[in-house]
PDB file of N, CA and C in Angstrom:
ATOM      1  N   MET A   1      22.471 -49.619 -51.230  1.00  0.00           N
ATOM      2  CA  MET A   1      22.086 -48.173 -51.239  1.00  0.00           C
ATOM      3  C   MET A   1      20.705 -47.969 -50.621  1.00  0.00           C
ATOM      4  N   ASN A   2      19.793 -48.975 -50.679  1.00  0.00           N
ATOM      5  CA  ASN A   2      18.599 -49.057 -49.769  1.00  0.00           C
ATOM      6  C   ASN A   2      18.945 -48.993 -48.198  1.00  0.00           C
ATOM      7  N   LYS A   3      19.919 -49.562 -47.765  1.00  0.00           N
ATOM      8  CA  LYS A   3      20.176 -49.619 -46.522  1.00  0.00           C
ATOM      9  C   LYS A   3      20.694 -48.098 -45.970  1.00  0.00           C
ATOM     10  N   PHE A   4      21.396 -47.489 -47.069  1.00  0.00           N
ATOM     11  CA  PHE A   4      21.894 -46.065 -46.596  1.00  0.00           C
ATOM     12  C   PHE A   4      20.551 -45.090 -46.419  1.00  0.00           C
ATOM     13  N   PHE A   5      19.716 -45.232 -47.368  1.00  0.00           N
ATOM     14  CA  PHE A   5      18.303 -44.328 -47.169  1.00  0.00           C
ATOM     15  C   PHE A   5      17.638 -44.755 -45.842  1.00  0.00           C
ATOM     16  N   ALA A   6      17.437 -45.903 -45.731  1.00  0.00           N
ATOM     17  CA  ALA A   6      16.776 -46.508 -44.411  1.00  0.00           C
ATOM     18  C   ALA A   6      17.446 -45.966 -43.107  1.00  0.00           C
ATOM     19  N   ASP A   7      18.757 -46.078 -43.190  1.00  0.00           N
ATOM     20  CA  ASP A   7      19.464 -45.655 -41.959  1.00  0.00           C
ATOM     21  C   ASP A   7      19.248 -44.095 -41.856  1.00  0.00           C
ATOM     22  N   ASN A   8      19.321 -43.455 -42.846  1.00  0.00           N
ATOM     23  CA  ASN A   8      19.130 -41.993 -42.750  1.00  0.00           C
ATOM     24  C   ASN A   8      17.794 -41.566 -42.104  1.00  0.00           C
ATOM     25  N   LYS A   9      16.768 -42.311 -42.577  1.00  0.00           N
ATOM     26  CA  LYS A   9      15.369 -41.871 -42.187  1.00  0.00           C
ATOM     27  C   LYS A   9      15.358 -42.453 -40.622  1.00  0.00           C
ATOM     28  N   PHE A  10      15.994 -43.430 -40.248  1.00  0.00           N
ATOM     29  CA  PHE A  10      16.012 -43.756 -38.758  1.00  0.00           C
ATOM     30  C   PHE A  10      16.689 -42.531 -38.230  1.00  0.00           C
ATOM     31  N   ARG A  11      17.846 -42.047 -38.533  1.00  0.00           N
ATOM     32  CA  ARG A  11      18.648 -41.127 -37.879  1.00  0.00           C
ATOM     33  C   ARG A  11      17.842 -39.816 -37.837  1.00  0.00           C
ATOM     34  N   PHE A  12      17.286 -39.526 -38.960  1.00  0.00           N
ATOM     35  CA  PHE A  12      16.202 -38.214 -39.030  1.00  0.00           C
ATOM     36  C   PHE A  12      15.160 -38.380 -38.126  1.00  0.00           C
ATOM     37  N   PHE A  13      14.393 -39.480 -37.880  1.00  0.00           N
ATOM     38  CA  PHE A  13      13.269 -39.747 -36.958  1.00  0.00           C
ATOM     39  C   PHE A  13      13.856 -39.599 -35.505  1.00  0.00           C
ATOM     40  N   LEU A  14      14.924 -40.173 -35.225  1.00  0.00           N
ATOM     41  CA  LEU A  14      15.517 -40.158 -33.902  1.00  0.00           C
ATOM     42  C   LEU A  14      15.890 -38.777 -33.586  1.00  0.00           C
ATOM     43  N   LEU A  15      16.500 -38.053 -34.465  1.00  0.00           N
ATOM     44  CA  LEU A  15      16.888 -36.565 -34.229  1.00  0.00           C
ATOM     45  C   LEU A  15      15.629 -35.781 -33.956  1.00  0.00           C
ATOM     46  N   LEU A  16      14.558 -36.146 -34.781  1.00  0.00           N
ATOM     47  CA  LEU A  16      13.252 -35.226 -34.554  1.00  0.00           C
ATOM     48  C   LEU A  16      12.900 -35.559 -33.243  1.00  0.00           C
ATOM     49  N   ALA A  17      12.832 -36.689 -32.882  1.00  0.00           N
ATOM     50  CA  ALA A  17      12.167 -37.201 -31.588  1.00  0.00           C
ATOM     51  C   ALA A  17      12.963 -36.528 -30.412  1.00  0.00           C
ATOM     52  N   ILE A  18      14.455 -36.677 -30.465  1.00  0.00           N
ATOM     53  CA  ILE A  18      15.272 -35.882 -29.473  1.00  0.00           C
ATOM     54  C   ILE A  18      15.036 -34.576 -29.294  1.00  0.00           C
ATOM     55  N   VAL A  19      14.784 -33.795 -30.602  1.00  0.00           N
ATOM     56  CA  VAL A  19      14.525 -32.314 -30.449  1.00  0.00           C
ATOM     57  C   VAL A  19      13.143 -32.064 -29.845  1.00  0.00           C
ATOM     58  N   PHE A  20      12.151 -32.885 -30.334  1.00  0.00           N
ATOM     59  CA  PHE A  20      10.810 -32.745 -29.760  1.00  0.00           C
ATOM     60  C   PHE A  20      10.766 -32.836 -28.319  1.00  0.00           C
ATOM     61  N   PHE A  21      11.367 -34.018 -27.722  1.00  0.00           N
ATOM     62  CA  PHE A  21      11.528 -34.139 -26.278  1.00  0.00           C
ATOM     63  C   PHE A  21      12.309 -33.094 -25.585  1.00  0.00           C
ATOM     64  N   ALA A  22      13.335 -32.700 -26.169  1.00  0.00           N
ATOM     65  CA  ALA A  22      14.021 -31.679 -25.461  1.00  0.00           C
ATOM     66  C   ALA A  22      13.353 -30.356 -25.367  1.00  0.00           C
ATOM     67  N   THR A  23      12.681 -30.014 -26.378  1.00  0.00           N
ATOM     68  CA  THR A  23      11.732 -28.691 -26.519  1.00  0.00           C
ATOM     69  C   THR A  23      10.688 -28.822 -25.390  1.00  0.00           C
ATOM     70  N   MET A  24      10.105 -30.052 -25.345  1.00  0.00           N
ATOM     71  CA  MET A  24       8.980 -30.237 -24.267  1.00  0.00           C
ATOM     72  C   MET A  24       9.512 -30.262 -23.019  1.00  0.00           C
ATOM     73  N   TYR A  25      10.756 -30.742 -22.746  1.00  0.00           N
ATOM     74  CA  TYR A  25      11.456 -30.588 -21.245  1.00  0.00           C
ATOM     75  C   TYR A  25      11.805 -29.124 -21.109  1.00  0.00           C
ATOM     76  N   LEU A  26      12.142 -28.269 -22.056  1.00  0.00           N
ATOM     77  CA  LEU A  26      12.613 -27.043 -21.785  1.00  0.00           C
ATOM     78  C   LEU A  26      11.274 -26.052 -21.560  1.00  0.00           C
ATOM     79  N   LEU A  27      10.254 -26.457 -21.994  1.00  0.00           N
ATOM     80  CA  LEU A  27       8.970 -25.723 -21.875  1.00  0.00           C
ATOM     81  C   LEU A  27       8.442 -26.049 -20.561  1.00  0.00           C
ATOM     82  N   PHE A  28       8.195 -27.204 -20.209  1.00  0.00           N
ATOM     83  CA  PHE A  28       7.392 -27.865 -19.196  1.00  0.00           C
ATOM     84  C   PHE A  28       8.060 -28.267 -17.762  1.00  0.00           C
ATOM     85  N   ASN A  29       9.379 -28.336 -17.757  1.00  0.00           N
ATOM     86  CA  ASN A  29       9.960 -28.681 -16.518  1.00  0.00           C
ATOM     87  C   ASN A  29       9.619 -27.791 -15.521  1.00  0.00           C
ATOM     88  N   SER A  30      10.267 -28.102 -14.258  1.00  0.00           N
ATOM     89  CA  SER A  30      10.085 -27.105 -13.134  1.00  0.00           C
ATOM     90  C   SER A  30      10.737 -25.857 -13.228  1.00  0.00           C
ATOM     91  N   TYR A  31      11.701 -25.607 -14.166  1.00  0.00           N
ATOM     92  CA  TYR A  31      12.531 -24.419 -14.402  1.00  0.00           C
ATOM     93  C   TYR A  31      12.274 -23.966 -15.790  1.00  0.00           C
ATOM     94  N   GLY A  32      11.256 -24.510 -16.396  1.00  0.00           N
ATOM     95  CA  GLY A  32      10.834 -24.130 -17.740  1.00  0.00           C
ATOM     96  C   GLY A  32      10.548 -22.729 -18.319  1.00  0.00           C
ATOM     97  N   VAL A  33      10.337 -22.639 -19.430  1.00  0.00           N
ATOM     98  CA  VAL A  33      10.060 -21.178 -19.893  1.00  0.00           C
ATOM     99  C   VAL A  33       8.605 -20.710 -19.449  1.00  0.00           C
ATOM    100  N   ILE A  34       7.684 -21.682 -19.491  1.00  0.00           N
ATOM    101  CA  ILE A  34       6.442 -21.379 -19.115  1.00  0.00           C
ATOM    102  C   ILE A  34       6.374 -20.768 -17.620  1.00  0.00           C
ATOM    103  N   LYS A  35       7.108 -21.644 -16.784  1.00  0.00           N
ATOM    104  CA  LYS A  35       7.101 -21.183 -15.597  1.00  0.00           C
ATOM    105  C   LYS A  35       7.733 -19.832 -15.308  1.00  0.00           C
ATOM    106  N   TYR A  36       8.726 -19.756 -16.106  1.00  0.00           N
ATOM    107  CA  TYR A  36       9.448 -18.511 -16.028  1.00  0.00           C
ATOM    108  C   TYR A  36       8.473 -17.305 -16.299  1.00  0.00           C
ATOM    109  N   VAL A  37       7.963 -17.310 -17.251  1.00  0.00           N
ATOM    110  CA  VAL A  37       6.931 -16.300 -17.961  1.00  0.00           C
ATOM    111  C   VAL A  37       6.030 -15.965 -16.737  1.00  0.00           C
ATOM    112  N   ARG A  38       5.340 -17.132 -16.080  1.00  0.00           N
ATOM    113  CA  ARG A  38       4.178 -17.045 -15.072  1.00  0.00           C
ATOM    114  C   ARG A  38       4.893 -16.195 -13.883  1.00  0.00           C
ATOM    115  N   LEU A  39       6.130 -16.630 -13.546  1.00  0.00           N
ATOM    116  CA  LEU A  39       6.816 -15.997 -12.384  1.00  0.00           C
ATOM    117  C   LEU A  39       6.985 -14.619 -12.562  1.00  0.00           C
ATOM    118  N   LYS A  40       7.379 -14.292 -13.797  1.00  0.00           N
ATOM    119  CA  LYS A  40       7.907 -12.956 -14.151  1.00  0.00           C
ATOM    120  C   LYS A  40       6.564 -12.027 -14.176  1.00  0.00           C
ATOM    121  N   SER A  41       5.364 -12.659 -14.469  1.00  0.00           N
ATOM    122  CA  SER A  41       4.076 -11.762 -14.528  1.00  0.00           C
ATOM    123  C   SER A  41       3.652 -11.482 -13.007  1.00  0.00           C
ATOM    124  N   GLU A  42       3.957 -12.627 -12.223  1.00  0.00           N
ATOM    125  CA  GLU A  42       3.598 -12.393 -10.860  1.00  0.00           C
ATOM    126  C   GLU A  42       4.426 -11.503 -10.125  1.00  0.00           C
ATOM    127  N   LEU A  43       5.738 -11.439 -10.501  1.00  0.00           N
ATOM    128  CA  LEU A  43       6.771 -10.502  -9.957  1.00  0.00           C
ATOM    129  C   LEU A  43       6.217  -9.025 -10.223  1.00  0.00           C
ATOM    130  N   ASN A  44       5.985  -8.706 -11.453  1.00  0.00           N
ATOM    131  CA  ASN A  44       5.632  -7.641 -11.852  1.00  0.00           C
ATOM    132  C   ASN A  44       4.310  -6.973 -11.129  1.00  0.00           C
ATOM    133  N   GLU A  45       3.299  -7.959 -10.776  1.00  0.00           N
ATOM    134  CA  GLU A  45       2.160  -7.500  -9.975  1.00  0.00           C
ATOM    135  C   GLU A  45       2.567  -7.217  -8.673  1.00  0.00           C
ATOM    136  N   LEU A  46       3.248  -8.074  -7.996  1.00  0.00           N
ATOM    137  CA  LEU A  46       3.826  -7.853  -6.624  1.00  0.00           C
ATOM    138  C   LEU A  46       4.588  -6.672  -6.655  1.00  0.00           C
ATOM    139  N   ASN A  47       5.376  -6.088  -7.569  1.00  0.00           N
ATOM    140  CA  ASN A  47       6.145  -4.825  -7.522  1.00  0.00           C
ATOM    141  C   ASN A  47       4.920  -3.715  -7.720  1.00  0.00           C
ATOM    142  N   GLU A  48       3.993  -4.031  -8.424  1.00  0.00           N
ATOM    143  CA  GLU A  48       2.944  -2.930  -8.453  1.00  0.00           C
ATOM    144  C   GLU A  48       2.215  -2.665  -7.174  1.00  0.00           C
ATOM    145  N   LYS A  49       1.806  -3.793  -6.437  1.00  0.00           N
ATOM    146  CA  LYS A  49       1.243  -3.658  -5.047  1.00  0.00           C
ATOM    147  C   LYS A  49       2.127  -2.983  -4.052  1.00  0.00           C
ATOM    148  N   ILE A  50       3.474  -3.348  -4.260  1.00  0.00           N
ATOM    149  CA  ILE A  50       4.493  -2.828  -3.226  1.00  0.00           C
ATOM    150  C   ILE A  50       4.549  -1.257  -3.476  1.00  0.00           C
ATOM    151  N   GLN A  51       4.502  -0.886  -4.701  1.00  0.00           N
ATOM    152  CA  GLN A  51       4.650   0.674  -5.006  1.00  0.00           C
ATOM    153  C   GLN A  51       3.366   1.373  -4.548  1.00  0.00           C
ATOM    154  N   LYS A  52       2.308   0.754  -4.700  1.00  0.00           N
ATOM    155  CA  LYS A  52       1.102   1.397  -4.375  1.00  0.00           C
ATOM    156  C   LYS A  52       1.045   1.445  -2.678  1.00  0.00           C
ATOM    157  N   LEU A  53       1.414   0.511  -2.097  1.00  0.00           N
ATOM    158  CA  LEU A  53       1.425   0.420  -0.513  1.00  0.00           C
ATOM    159  C   LEU A  53       2.492   1.376  -0.107  1.00  0.00           C
ATOM    160  N   GLU A  54       3.519   1.335  -0.721  1.00  0.00           N
ATOM    161  CA  GLU A  54       4.429   2.365  -0.214  1.00  0.00           C
ATOM    162  C   GLU A  54       3.970   3.830  -0.403  1.00  0.00           C
ATOM    163  N   GLU A  55       3.185   4.094  -1.526  1.00  0.00           N
ATOM    164  CA  GLU A  55       2.587   5.370  -1.817  1.00  0.00           C
ATOM    165  C   GLU A  55       1.512   5.741  -0.724  1.00  0.00           C
ATOM    166  N   GLU A  56       0.794   4.737  -0.258  1.00  0.00           N
ATOM    167  CA  GLU A  56      -0.244   4.920   0.604  1.00  0.00           C
ATOM    168  C   GLU A  56       0.390   5.100   1.986  1.00  0.00           C
ATOM    169  N   ASN A  57       1.516   4.453   2.290  1.00  0.00           N
ATOM    170  CA  ASN A  57       2.156   4.447   3.590  1.00  0.00           C
ATOM    171  C   ASN A  57       2.797   5.996   3.660  1.00  0.00           C
ATOM    172  N   LYS A  58       3.205   6.391   2.669  1.00  0.00           N
ATOM    173  CA  LYS A  58       3.777   7.742   2.668  1.00  0.00           C
ATOM    174  C   LYS A  58       2.616   8.918   2.920  1.00  0.00           C
ATOM    175  N   ASN A  59       1.332   8.661   2.274  1.00  0.00           N
ATOM    176  CA  ASN A  59       0.325   9.415   2.605  1.00  0.00           C
ATOM    177  C   ASN A  59      -0.031   9.397   4.055  1.00  0.00           C
ATOM    178  N   LEU A  60      -0.005   8.330   4.540  1.00  0.00           N
ATOM    179  CA  LEU A  60      -0.608   8.178   6.058  1.00  0.00           C
ATOM    180  C   LEU A  60       0.598   8.522   6.925  1.00  0.00           C
ATOM    181  N   GLU A  61       1.833   8.404   6.774  1.00  0.00           N
ATOM    182  CA  GLU A  61       2.833   9.089   7.516  1.00  0.00           C
ATOM    183  C   GLU A  61       2.594  10.651   7.327  1.00  0.00           C
ATOM    184  N   ALA A  62       2.385  11.148   6.280  1.00  0.00           N
ATOM    185  CA  ALA A  62       2.166  12.689   6.128  1.00  0.00           C
ATOM    186  C   ALA A  62       0.885  13.198   7.057  1.00  0.00           C
ATOM    187  N   GLU A  63      -0.209  12.193   6.848  1.00  0.00           N
ATOM    188  CA  GLU A  63      -1.232  12.505   7.817  1.00  0.00           C
ATOM    189  C   GLU A  63      -1.074  12.498   9.233  1.00  0.00           C
ATOM    190  N   ILE A  64      -0.281  11.593   9.630  1.00  0.00           N
ATOM    191  CA  ILE A  64       0.220  11.350  10.992  1.00  0.00           C
ATOM    192  C   ILE A  64       0.935  12.481  11.519  1.00  0.00           C
ATOM    193  N   ASP A  65       1.901  12.986  10.532  1.00  0.00           N
ATOM    194  CA  ASP A  65       2.638  14.388  10.897  1.00  0.00           C
ATOM    195  C   ASP A  65       1.921  15.278  11.154  1.00  0.00           C
ATOM    196  N   SER A  66       0.965  15.634  10.261  1.00  0.00           N
ATOM    197  CA  SER A  66       0.201  16.811  10.384  1.00  0.00           C
ATOM    198  C   SER A  66      -0.780  16.797  11.730  1.00  0.00           C
ATOM    199  N   ILE A  67      -1.068  15.465  11.963  1.00  0.00           N
ATOM    200  CA  ILE A  67      -1.872  15.574  13.401  1.00  0.00           C
ATOM    201  C   ILE A  67      -0.990  15.804  14.461  1.00  0.00           C
ATOM    202  N   LYS A  68       0.234  15.043  14.544  1.00  0.00           N
ATOM    203  CA  LYS A  68       1.140  15.453  15.655  1.00  0.00           C
ATOM    204  C   LYS A  68       1.406  16.834  15.698  1.00  0.00           C
ATOM    205  N   LYS A  69       1.687  17.679  14.465  1.00  0.00           N
ATOM    206  CA  LYS A  69       2.045  19.044  14.644  1.00  0.00           C
ATOM    207  C   LYS A  69       0.923  19.965  15.171  1.00  0.00           C
ATOM    208  N   GLY A  70      -0.446  19.407  15.183  1.00  0.00           N
ATOM    209  CA  GLY A  70      -1.402  20.151  15.733  1.00  0.00           C
ATOM    210  C   GLY A  70      -2.112  21.034  14.734  1.00  0.00           C
ATOM    211  N   TYR A  71      -1.999  20.606  13.487  1.00  0.00           N
ATOM    212  CA  TYR A  71      -2.750  21.664  12.442  1.00  0.00           C
ATOM    213  C   TYR A  71      -4.305  21.677  12.872  1.00  0.00           C
ATOM    214  N   PRO A  72      -4.983  22.746  13.230  1.00  0.00           N
ATOM    215  CA  PRO A  72      -6.251  22.699  13.633  1.00  0.00           C
ATOM    216  C   PRO A  72      -7.282  22.205  12.525  1.00  0.00           C
ATOM    217  N   SER A  73      -7.022  22.582  11.188  1.00  0.00           N
ATOM    218  CA  SER A  73      -7.943  22.127  10.119  1.00  0.00           C
ATOM    219  C   SER A  73      -7.844  20.666  10.034  1.00  0.00           C
ATOM    220  N   LYS A  74      -6.757  20.058  10.057  1.00  0.00           N
ATOM    221  CA  LYS A  74      -6.668  18.680  10.065  1.00  0.00           C
ATOM    222  C   LYS A  74      -7.296  17.887  11.145  1.00  0.00           C
ATOM    223  N   ILE A  75      -7.169  18.496  12.354  1.00  0.00           N
ATOM    224  CA  ILE A  75      -7.728  17.754  13.522  1.00  0.00           C
ATOM    225  C   ILE A  75      -9.297  18.033  13.402  1.00  0.00           C
ATOM    226  N   GLU A  76      -9.676  19.180  12.981  1.00  0.00           N
ATOM    227  CA  GLU A  76     -11.204  19.439  12.846  1.00  0.00           C
ATOM    228  C   GLU A  76     -11.886  18.482  11.799  1.00  0.00           C
ATOM    229  N   LYS A  77     -11.054  18.366  10.708  1.00  0.00           N
ATOM    230  CA  LYS A  77     -11.555  17.371   9.542  1.00  0.00           C
ATOM    231  C   LYS A  77     -11.915  16.036  10.007  1.00  0.00           C
ATOM    232  N   ILE A  78     -10.797  15.477  10.898  1.00  0.00           N
ATOM    233  CA  ILE A  78     -10.787  14.084  11.469  1.00  0.00           C
ATOM    234  C   ILE A  78     -11.962  13.945  12.331  1.00  0.00           C
ATOM    235  N   ALA A  79     -12.191  15.007  13.288  1.00  0.00           N
ATOM    236  CA  ALA A  79     -13.133  15.009  14.173  1.00  0.00           C
ATOM    237  C   ALA A  79     -14.582  15.006  13.619  1.00  0.00           C
ATOM    238  N   ARG A  80     -14.686  15.706  12.566  1.00  0.00           N
ATOM    239  CA  ARG A  80     -16.156  15.921  11.971  1.00  0.00           C
ATOM    240  C   ARG A  80     -16.276  14.628  11.205  1.00  0.00           C
ATOM    241  N   GLU A  81     -15.332  14.054  10.237  1.00  0.00           N
ATOM    242  CA  GLU A  81     -15.461  12.748   9.470  1.00  0.00           C
ATOM    243  C   GLU A  81     -15.606  11.679  10.351  1.00  0.00           C
ATOM    244  N   LYS A  82     -14.856  11.187  11.247  1.00  0.00           N
ATOM    245  CA  LYS A  82     -14.708  10.001  11.984  1.00  0.00           C
ATOM    246  C   LYS A  82     -15.594   9.970  13.051  1.00  0.00           C
ATOM    247  N   TYR A  83     -15.801  11.017  13.835  1.00  0.00           N
ATOM    248  CA  TYR A  83     -16.430  10.938  15.069  1.00  0.00           C
ATOM    249  C   TYR A  83     -17.660  11.776  15.020  1.00  0.00           C
ATOM    250  N   ASP A  84     -18.145  12.297  14.133  1.00  0.00           N
ATOM    251  CA  ASP A  84     -19.474  13.149  13.691  1.00  0.00           C
ATOM    252  C   ASP A  84     -19.475  14.016  14.824  1.00  0.00           C
ATOM    253  N   MET A  85     -18.557  14.885  15.083  1.00  0.00           N
ATOM    254  CA  MET A  85     -18.558  15.802  15.915  1.00  0.00           C
ATOM    255  C   MET A  85     -19.020  17.216  15.269  1.00  0.00           C
ATOM    256  N   ILE A  86     -19.656  18.175  15.838  1.00  0.00           N
ATOM    257  CA  ILE A  86     -20.112  19.240  15.417  1.00  0.00           C
ATOM    258  C   ILE A  86     -19.800  20.691  16.299  1.00  0.00           C
ATOM    259  N   LYS A  87     -19.751  21.649  16.035  1.00  0.00           N
ATOM    260  CA  LYS A  87     -19.363  22.843  16.714  1.00  0.00           C
ATOM    261  C   LYS A  87     -20.724  23.267  17.367  1.00  0.00           C
ATOM    262  N   PRO A  88     -20.346  23.780  18.513  1.00  0.00           N
ATOM    263  CA  PRO A  88     -21.724  24.398  19.200  1.00  0.00           C
ATOM    264  C   PRO A  88     -22.479  25.358  18.200  1.00  0.00           C
ATOM    265  N   ASN A  89     -23.884  25.140  18.331  1.00  0.00           N
ATOM    266  CA  ASN A  89     -24.846  25.964  17.435  1.00  0.00           C
ATOM    267  C   ASN A  89     -24.910  25.461  16.037  1.00  0.00           C
ATOM    268  N   GLU A  90     -24.257  24.294  15.613  1.00  0.00           N
ATOM    269  CA  GLU A  90     -24.337  23.883  14.312  1.00  0.00           C
ATOM    270  C   GLU A  90     -25.452  22.853  14.374  1.00  0.00           C
ATOM    271  N   LYS A  91     -25.942  22.422  13.091  1.00  0.00           N
ATOM    272  CA  LYS A  91     -26.901  21.439  12.909  1.00  0.00           C
ATOM    273  C   LYS A  91     -26.279  20.313  11.944  1.00  0.00           C
ATOM    274  N   LYS A  92     -26.513  19.230  12.267  1.00  0.00           N
ATOM    275  CA  LYS A  92     -26.098  18.202  11.358  1.00  0.00           C
ATOM    276  C   LYS A  92     -27.075  17.601  10.509  1.00  0.00           C
ATOM    277  N   ILE A  93     -26.785  17.659   9.153  1.00  0.00           N
ATOM    278  CA  ILE A  93     -27.928  17.052   8.289  1.00  0.00           C
ATOM    279  C   ILE A  93     -27.300  15.716   7.655  1.00  0.00           C
ATOM    280  N   GLU A  94     -28.076  14.602   7.673  1.00  0.00           N
ATOM    281  CA  GLU A  94     -27.696  13.331   7.239  1.00  0.00           C
ATOM    282  C   GLU A  94     -28.598  13.072   6.115  1.00  0.00           C
ATOM    283  N   PHE A  95     -27.905  12.416   4.981  1.00  0.00           N
ATOM    284  CA  PHE A  95     -28.810  12.046   3.891  1.00  0.00           C
ATOM    285  C   PHE A  95     -28.758  10.539   3.882  1.00  0.00           C
ATOM    286  N   GLU A  96     -29.859   9.846   3.478  1.00  0.00           N
ATOM    287  CA  GLU A  96     -30.110   8.506   3.307  1.00  0.00           C
ATOM    288  C   GLU A  96     -29.727   8.068   1.907  1.00  0.00           C
ATOM    289  N   GLU A  97     -28.877   7.028   1.792  1.00  0.00           N
ATOM    290  CA  GLU A  97     -28.678   6.438   0.526  1.00  0.00           C
ATOM    291  C   GLU A  97     -29.834   5.658   0.036  1.00  0.00           C
ATOM    292  N   GLU A  98     -30.060   5.658  -1.062  1.00  0.00           N
ATOM    293  CA  GLU A  98     -31.234   4.812  -1.696  1.00  0.00           C
ATOM    294  C   GLU A  98     -30.730   3.560  -2.713  1.00  0.00           C
TER     295      GLU A  98
END
Protein backbone atom coordinates (compact mmCIF):
# COMPACT_ATOMS: atom_id res chain seq x y z
CA MET A 1 0.00 0.00 0.00
CA ASN A 2 2.92 2.31 0.67
CA LYS A 3 4.15 1.78 -2.87
CA PHE A 4 0.71 2.74 -4.23
CA PHE A 5 0.76 6.19 -2.56
CA ALA A 6 4.39 6.81 -3.52
CA ASP A 7 3.58 5.87 -7.10
CA ASN A 8 0.55 8.22 -7.14
CA LYS A 9 2.65 11.09 -5.76
CA PHE A 10 5.19 10.57 -8.50
CA ARG A 11 2.46 10.52 -11.14
CA PHE A 12 0.87 13.64 -9.65
CA PHE A 13 4.16 15.59 -9.68
CA LEU A 14 4.95 14.32 -13.17
CA LEU A 15 1.52 15.44 -14.42
CA LEU A 16 1.94 18.78 -12.63
CA ALA A 17 5.35 19.30 -14.26
CA ILE A 18 3.97 18.43 -17.70
CA VAL A 19 1.07 20.87 -17.27
CA PHE A 20 3.45 23.58 -16.04
CA PHE A 21 5.86 23.22 -18.96
CA ALA A 22 3.02 22.98 -21.48
CA THR A 23 1.55 26.21 -20.12
CA MET A 24 4.92 27.95 -20.29
CA TYR A 25 5.38 26.73 -23.86
CA LEU A 26 1.94 27.99 -24.90
CA LEU A 27 2.57 31.39 -23.34
CA PHE A 28 6.15 32.08 -24.37
CA ASN A 29 6.89 30.25 -27.64
CA SER A 30 7.19 32.11 -30.94
CA TYR A 31 3.48 31.60 -31.63
CA GLY A 32 2.39 32.02 -28.03
CA VAL A 33 -0.44 33.90 -26.42
CA ILE A 34 1.74 36.79 -25.27
CA LYS A 35 3.08 37.38 -28.78
CA TYR A 36 -0.47 37.15 -30.15
CA VAL A 37 -1.71 39.84 -27.76
CA ARG A 38 1.25 42.10 -28.60
CA LEU A 39 0.71 41.66 -32.34
CA LYS A 40 -3.03 42.27 -32.00
CA SER A 41 -2.32 45.56 -30.22
CA GLU A 42 0.18 46.57 -32.89
CA LEU A 43 -2.35 45.70 -35.60
CA ASN A 44 -4.96 47.94 -33.96
CA GLU A 45 -2.48 50.84 -33.80
CA LEU A 46 -1.55 50.40 -37.46
CA ASN A 47 -5.22 50.30 -38.49
CA GLU A 48 -5.82 53.57 -36.63
CA LYS A 49 -2.84 55.16 -38.40
CA ILE A 50 -4.14 53.93 -41.76
CA GLN A 51 -7.55 55.40 -41.04
CA LYS A 52 -6.05 58.79 -40.10
CA LEU A 53 -3.83 58.82 -43.19
CA GLU A 54 -6.75 57.92 -45.46
CA GLU A 55 -8.76 60.79 -43.98
CA GLU A 56 -5.84 63.18 -44.44
CA ASN A 57 -5.42 61.92 -48.01
CA LYS A 58 -9.10 62.55 -48.71
CA ASN A 59 -8.79 66.12 -47.38
CA LEU A 60 -5.71 66.76 -49.51
CA GLU A 61 -7.46 65.40 -52.60
CA ALA A 62 -10.39 67.75 -51.95
CA GLU A 63 -7.97 70.65 -51.59
CA ILE A 64 -6.22 69.73 -54.85
CA ASP A 65 -9.57 69.43 -56.58
CA SER A 66 -10.68 72.88 -55.41
CA ILE A 67 -7.39 74.39 -56.59
CA LYS A 68 -7.68 72.69 -60.00
CA LYS A 69 -11.23 74.00 -60.42
CA GLY A 70 -9.89 77.48 -59.77
CA TYR A 71 -11.96 78.61 -56.82
CA PRO A 72 -10.68 82.16 -56.26
CA SER A 73 -11.12 82.10 -52.50
CA LYS A 74 -9.05 78.94 -52.17
CA ILE A 75 -6.29 80.25 -54.41
CA GLU A 76 -6.24 83.55 -52.51
CA LYS A 77 -6.05 81.77 -49.16
CA ILE A 78 -3.08 79.68 -50.29
CA ALA A 79 -1.33 82.71 -51.80
CA ARG A 80 -1.73 84.67 -48.57
CA GLU A 81 -0.79 81.87 -46.16
CA LYS A 82 2.02 80.12 -48.00
CA TYR A 83 3.57 82.85 -50.07
CA ASP A 84 2.83 85.94 -47.91
CA MET A 85 1.19 87.71 -50.81
CA ILE A 86 -0.95 90.80 -50.30
CA LYS A 87 -3.32 92.75 -52.48
CA PRO A 88 -2.29 96.16 -53.79
CA ASN A 89 -2.74 98.92 -51.19
CA GLU A 90 -2.83 96.41 -48.30
CA LYS A 91 -0.49 96.47 -45.33
CA LYS A 92 0.88 93.34 -43.76
CA ILE A 93 1.08 93.20 -39.99
CA GLU A 94 3.29 90.54 -38.42
CA PHE A 95 3.35 89.54 -34.77
CA GLU A 96 6.34 88.16 -32.93
CA GLU A 97 5.88 85.17 -30.70
CA GLU A 98 7.44 85.40 -27.29
